[in-house]
Protein backbone atom coordinates (compact mmCIF):
# COMPACT_ATOMS: atom_id res chain seq x y z
CA MET A 1 -20.22 49.96 129.95
CA LYS A 2 -22.55 52.99 129.90
CA ILE A 3 -22.61 56.21 131.92
CA VAL A 4 -25.89 57.58 133.26
CA SER A 5 -25.84 61.09 134.75
CA GLN A 6 -28.78 62.68 136.51
CA ALA A 7 -27.75 66.20 135.46
CA GLY A 8 -26.97 65.54 131.81
CA LYS A 9 -23.60 65.75 130.13
CA SER A 10 -21.60 68.14 132.33
CA GLN A 11 -18.01 68.91 131.35
CA LEU A 12 -16.67 66.38 133.85
CA VAL A 13 -19.01 63.68 132.54
CA LYS A 14 -17.99 64.53 128.95
CA ASN A 15 -14.32 64.19 129.92
CA LEU A 16 -15.00 60.82 131.56
CA VAL A 17 -17.02 59.52 128.59
CA ASN A 18 -14.20 60.52 126.23
CA ARG A 19 -11.46 58.96 128.37
CA LEU A 20 -13.35 55.68 128.78
CA GLY A 21 -14.68 55.60 125.22
CA VAL A 22 -18.11 54.45 126.43
CA GLY A 23 -21.71 55.36 125.69
CA PHE A 24 -23.77 57.98 127.47
CA VAL A 25 -27.40 57.39 128.45
CA GLU A 26 -29.75 60.36 128.34
CA VAL A 27 -32.24 60.77 131.19
CA GLU A 28 -35.71 62.08 130.42
CA GLN A 29 -36.73 64.18 133.42
CA GLY A 30 -39.92 65.95 134.32
CA PHE A 31 -42.21 66.64 137.24
CA PHE A 32 -45.57 65.44 138.42
CA PRO A 33 -48.17 68.15 139.21
CA ASN A 34 -47.21 68.06 142.90
CA GLY A 35 -43.54 68.72 142.10
CA GLU A 36 -42.20 65.17 142.51
CA THR A 37 -39.64 63.99 139.98
CA LYS A 38 -40.49 61.62 137.16
CA LEU A 39 -37.76 60.17 135.00
CA ARG A 40 -37.12 57.56 132.34
CA ILE A 41 -34.01 56.12 130.70
CA LYS A 42 -33.30 53.85 127.75
CA GLY A 43 -30.21 52.51 126.06
CA ILE A 44 -28.67 50.15 128.63
CA GLU A 45 -28.15 46.56 127.48
CA LYS A 46 -28.80 43.58 129.71
CA GLY A 47 -25.58 42.33 131.31
CA GLU A 48 -23.45 45.44 130.79
CA VAL A 49 -21.94 47.61 133.54
CA ALA A 50 -23.93 50.74 134.37
CA ILE A 51 -22.13 53.74 135.86
CA LEU A 52 -24.35 56.18 137.77
CA PHE A 53 -22.78 59.61 138.08
CA TYR A 54 -23.93 61.73 141.03
CA SER A 55 -24.13 65.46 140.34
CA SER A 56 -23.60 67.99 143.14
CA PRO A 57 -24.94 71.37 141.93
CA GLY A 58 -28.42 72.43 142.96
CA ASN A 59 -30.71 71.11 145.68
CA VAL A 60 -28.73 68.48 147.59
CA GLY A 61 -31.74 66.67 149.06
CA LYS A 62 -33.53 66.49 145.71
CA ASN A 63 -30.36 65.35 143.93
CA LEU A 64 -29.96 62.50 146.39
CA ILE A 65 -33.54 61.24 145.98
CA ASP A 66 -33.34 61.58 142.18
CA PHE A 67 -30.10 59.59 142.22
CA MET A 68 -31.74 56.68 144.03
CA LEU A 69 -34.73 56.80 141.68
CA LEU A 70 -32.29 56.63 138.80
CA ALA A 71 -30.62 53.56 140.34
CA ASP A 72 -33.98 51.79 140.45
CA ALA A 73 -34.68 52.74 136.82
CA VAL A 74 -31.30 51.31 135.78
CA ARG A 75 -31.99 48.05 137.65
CA ASN A 76 -34.91 47.33 135.28
CA PHE A 77 -32.40 46.72 132.46
CA GLN A 78 -30.64 43.99 134.48
CA PRO A 79 -27.06 45.28 134.22
CA SER A 80 -24.26 43.03 135.41
CA LYS A 81 -23.23 45.69 137.92
CA ILE A 82 -24.27 49.18 138.98
CA ILE A 83 -21.37 51.40 140.06
CA ALA A 84 -22.14 54.76 141.66
CA VAL A 85 -19.56 57.48 141.08
CA MET A 86 -20.03 60.08 143.81
CA PRO A 87 -17.14 62.59 143.61
CA TRP A 88 -18.77 64.48 146.49
CA LEU A 89 -20.69 62.35 148.99
CA PRO A 90 -23.53 64.56 150.28
CA PHE A 91 -23.69 65.19 154.03
CA SER A 92 -20.34 63.42 154.54
CA PRO A 93 -18.81 66.09 156.86
CA GLN A 94 -21.65 65.39 159.32
CA ASP A 95 -20.02 62.14 160.40
CA LYS A 96 -20.88 62.39 164.10
CA ARG A 97 -23.28 64.08 166.48
CA PHE A 98 -21.65 67.26 167.70
CA ARG A 99 -24.56 68.20 169.97
CA ARG A 100 -27.47 66.34 171.54
CA GLY A 101 -30.49 66.32 169.25
CA GLU A 102 -28.52 66.36 165.96
CA PRO A 103 -28.72 63.57 163.36
CA GLU A 104 -25.75 61.49 162.30
CA SER A 105 -26.42 62.65 158.74
CA ALA A 106 -23.59 60.85 156.95
CA LYS A 107 -24.72 57.47 158.31
CA VAL A 108 -28.34 58.15 157.30
CA VAL A 109 -27.26 58.95 153.74
CA VAL A 110 -25.05 55.87 153.45
CA LYS A 111 -27.89 53.64 154.66
CA LEU A 112 -30.27 55.18 152.11
CA LEU A 113 -27.78 54.66 149.29
CA GLU A 114 -27.08 51.08 150.30
CA ALA A 115 -30.82 50.34 150.28
CA SER A 116 -30.78 51.10 146.54
CA PRO A 117 -29.75 48.58 143.83
CA ILE A 118 -26.25 50.09 143.61
CA ASP A 119 -23.56 47.40 143.91
CA GLU A 120 -20.41 49.48 144.42
CA PHE A 121 -19.47 53.07 145.21
CA ILE A 122 -16.56 55.26 144.18
CA CYS A 123 -15.97 58.28 146.43
CA ILE A 124 -13.26 60.92 146.48
CA ASP A 125 -11.51 62.42 149.52
CA LEU A 126 -14.10 61.64 152.17
CA HIS A 127 -13.92 63.85 155.24
CA SER A 128 -12.96 61.11 157.68
CA ARG A 129 -12.32 57.41 158.19
CA LEU A 130 -15.61 57.27 160.11
CA VAL A 131 -17.50 57.69 156.83
CA GLU A 132 -15.52 54.91 155.13
CA LYS A 133 -16.49 52.50 157.89
CA MET A 134 -20.19 53.26 157.44
CA PHE A 135 -20.30 51.41 154.12
CA VAL A 136 -21.17 47.71 154.02
CA LYS A 137 -21.22 47.39 150.24
CA PRO A 138 -17.86 47.79 148.43
CA MET A 139 -16.70 51.41 148.46
CA HIS A 140 -13.54 52.52 146.69
CA HIS A 141 -12.10 55.63 148.31
CA ILE A 142 -9.65 57.50 146.13
CA SER A 143 -7.71 60.69 146.78
CA CYS A 144 -6.95 63.68 144.58
CA MET A 145 -3.76 64.42 146.49
CA GLN A 146 -1.58 63.00 143.71
CA ILE A 147 -3.07 65.48 141.21
CA PHE A 148 -1.76 68.36 143.30
CA LEU A 149 1.54 66.63 144.01
CA ASP A 150 2.17 66.03 140.31
CA TYR A 151 1.62 69.73 139.61
CA PHE A 152 3.86 71.01 142.41
CA GLN A 153 6.59 68.35 142.29
CA GLY A 154 10.00 69.99 141.91
CA LYS A 155 8.63 73.56 142.14
CA PHE A 156 9.44 74.22 145.81
CA ASP A 157 12.72 75.00 147.58
CA ASN A 158 13.49 75.13 151.30
CA SER A 159 11.60 78.42 151.68
CA TRP A 160 8.31 76.50 151.58
CA VAL A 161 6.41 74.78 154.42
CA VAL A 162 3.11 72.90 154.54
CA VAL A 163 0.53 74.27 156.97
CA SER A 164 -2.28 72.22 158.51
CA LEU A 165 -5.23 74.53 159.12
CA ASP A 166 -6.71 72.42 161.94
CA LYS A 167 -6.26 69.16 163.86
CA GLY A 168 -8.57 67.28 161.51
CA ALA A 169 -6.31 68.02 158.55
CA ILE A 170 -3.00 67.10 160.21
CA GLU A 171 -2.85 63.51 158.90
CA ARG A 172 -3.35 64.45 155.25
CA SER A 173 -1.08 67.50 155.70
CA ARG A 174 1.77 65.29 156.93
CA LYS A 175 1.31 62.93 154.00
CA PHE A 176 1.29 65.89 151.60
CA ALA A 177 4.42 67.33 153.24
CA ARG A 178 6.31 64.01 153.10
CA ALA A 179 5.61 63.68 149.39
CA LEU A 180 6.90 67.21 148.74
CA LYS A 181 9.78 66.75 151.20
CA LEU A 182 8.73 69.80 153.17
CA PRO A 183 8.25 70.44 156.91
CA VAL A 184 4.72 70.81 158.29
CA ILE A 185 3.38 73.28 160.85
CA GLN A 186 -0.07 73.49 162.42
CA PHE A 187 -2.67 76.12 163.26
CA ASP A 188 -4.42 76.04 166.61
CA LYS A 189 -8.06 76.54 165.59
CA PHE A 190 -11.30 76.59 167.59
CA ARG A 191 -14.76 76.28 165.99
CA ASP A 192 -17.86 77.26 167.98
CA LYS A 193 -20.27 74.33 167.59
CA THR A 194 -23.33 76.51 168.12
CA ASN A 195 -22.74 79.03 165.34
CA GLY A 196 -19.78 77.65 163.35
CA ASP A 197 -17.56 80.72 163.96
CA VAL A 198 -13.84 79.99 163.72
CA THR A 199 -11.13 81.43 165.97
CA ILE A 200 -7.46 80.88 165.11
CA ASN A 201 -5.44 81.18 168.30
CA SER A 202 -1.86 80.62 167.16
CA ILE A 203 0.54 78.95 164.72
CA LYS A 204 2.69 76.10 166.00
CA GLY A 205 5.83 76.72 163.96
CA LYS A 206 7.72 79.45 162.10
CA VAL A 207 6.21 81.11 159.01
CA LYS A 208 8.20 84.36 158.97
CA GLY A 209 10.06 84.60 155.68
CA LYS A 210 8.46 81.37 154.46
CA ASN A 211 6.14 80.49 151.61
CA THR A 212 3.26 78.26 152.71
CA ILE A 213 0.93 75.72 151.13
CA SER A 214 -1.99 73.74 152.57
CA PHE A 215 -4.04 70.74 151.42
CA ASP A 216 -7.54 69.87 152.64
CA ASP A 217 -10.55 67.83 151.56
CA PHE A 218 -13.21 70.53 151.22
CA VAL A 219 -14.06 74.19 151.67
CA SER A 220 -17.54 75.55 152.37
CA THR A 221 -17.71 79.28 153.13
CA GLY A 222 -13.93 79.76 153.11
CA GLY A 223 -13.87 81.52 156.48
CA THR A 224 -11.06 79.42 157.97
CA ARG A 225 -8.87 79.65 154.88
CA ILE A 226 -9.26 83.42 154.55
CA LYS A 227 -8.46 83.98 158.24
CA ALA A 228 -5.48 81.61 158.05
CA ALA A 229 -3.99 83.41 155.04
CA LYS A 230 -4.37 86.75 156.82
CA MET A 231 -2.69 85.42 159.95
CA ILE A 232 0.20 83.93 157.94
CA ARG A 233 0.79 87.36 156.40
CA GLU A 234 0.66 89.04 159.83
CA PHE A 235 3.28 86.57 161.10
CA GLY A 236 5.63 87.48 158.27
CA GLY A 237 4.73 84.80 155.75
CA LEU A 238 5.27 85.37 152.03
CA LYS A 239 3.22 83.55 149.38
CA HIS A 240 0.37 81.30 150.47
CA TYR A 241 -1.11 78.56 148.25
CA ASP A 242 -4.24 76.64 149.20
CA CYS A 243 -5.21 73.25 147.74
CA VAL A 244 -8.72 71.84 148.21
CA THR A 245 -10.39 68.86 146.56
CA HIS A 246 -14.05 69.90 146.93
CA VAL A 247 -15.46 73.44 146.72
CA LEU A 248 -19.05 73.31 147.97
CA VAL A 249 -20.19 76.92 147.60
CA PRO A 250 -19.50 78.74 144.30
CA GLU A 251 -19.58 82.17 145.96
CA THR A 252 -16.59 81.16 148.07
CA LEU A 253 -14.36 81.46 145.02
CA GLU A 254 -15.34 85.11 144.64
CA LYS A 255 -14.42 85.78 148.28
CA ILE A 256 -11.07 84.05 147.84
CA GLN A 257 -10.38 86.04 144.68
CA LYS A 258 -11.47 89.47 145.92
CA THR A 259 -11.01 89.57 149.69
CA SER A 260 -8.38 86.99 150.68
CA GLU A 261 -4.60 87.07 150.92
CA ILE A 262 -4.39 83.64 149.29
CA ASP A 263 -2.01 83.95 146.32
CA GLY A 264 -3.07 80.77 144.54
CA PHE A 265 -6.12 78.58 145.09
CA PHE A 266 -6.00 75.07 143.59
CA MET A 267 -9.13 72.91 143.34
CA THR A 268 -10.63 70.01 141.38
CA ASN A 269 -13.89 69.77 139.44
CA THR A 270 -15.54 67.20 141.75
CA THR A 271 -18.49 69.51 142.42
CA GLU A 272 -18.70 70.75 138.80
CA ILE A 273 -18.62 74.46 139.55
CA CYS A 274 -18.49 76.43 136.30
CA LEU A 275 -15.56 78.85 136.29
CA ASP A 276 -15.06 82.00 134.26
CA ARG A 277 -11.27 81.96 134.33
CA THR A 278 -11.04 85.63 133.39
CA LYS A 279 -12.77 86.54 136.68
CA PHE A 280 -10.75 84.20 138.92
CA PRO A 281 -7.05 84.45 138.02
CA LYS A 282 -6.09 83.13 141.48
CA VAL A 283 -8.07 79.93 140.96
CA HIS A 284 -6.64 76.86 139.20
CA GLU A 285 -8.87 73.86 138.49
CA PHE A 286 -7.75 70.26 137.87
CA ASP A 287 -9.80 67.61 136.07
CA ILE A 288 -10.44 64.32 137.91
CA ALA A 289 -11.61 62.30 134.87
CA LEU A 290 -8.35 60.34 134.63
CA ILE A 291 -8.38 59.10 138.23
CA LEU A 292 -12.07 58.18 137.85
CA LYS A 293 -11.25 56.24 134.69
CA LYS A 294 -8.58 54.22 136.51
CA ALA A 295 -10.93 53.48 139.42
CA LEU A 296 -13.78 52.41 137.10
CA LEU A 297 -11.63 50.12 135.00
CA ALA A 298 -10.42 48.46 138.20
CA SER A 299 -14.02 48.05 139.44
CA ARG A 300 -15.53 46.92 136.15
CA ASP A 301 -14.42 43.29 136.31
């Protein structure tokens, strides 16, 4: 088994290599005069399992094309299986057409990926079941929820409640609340489809005198989460913790740290954002290498 990463040996990839005890394949990358990517790999043996690790930082469109080029380069070595590890599946929140004239971007990306030589996919906390159903090839969908649950287990009393920040998050919020043995309440949120602006109309449940915690799959600009924390405080809430698997925009962490009433923000390293912990005392990051190791060992055979 060998790991091939398009962006080199990031900290997450290093952690995964160490946990699996496998080799790492360097990728020689450059550019043609017109700016198109050229790459070359070596070091994969015929018949072994090749793990392609998708990296999120940078230009999303370019990363996606480079990833498929890498899959074709790996195929030349005739591995027994090519497994794509995609902690963040690009374009996955765009799982439907919200307005006439828009693309169904998630489906387009899945079709492109499945046209490559990749045999199986490992994805983490996809935005919806719609995206899961788009895959024809085997796709193993795993959740980071247990990472957060393990950290918080036994730390909450009856002063805590789980809040679901919108209707889309209610299913995972209920599951999170059941595991922590806490009640769940819901925000009534409206998002303008033309400009993306969020309006929070009300809270369906009591937060006065309560500590609150939420769990969601991803955060982009952080607008909803910052407004929700402010509203919880206005309604008499005490501490507010926010748990999110994927953080898509690094600058969002600065907003959460400096301008929000979120007391603790808990995330994973799926998108490999580099953190200076001295600048972000509110932010706590969990490593996903162990859950990826378990998923890969199950998929290897």
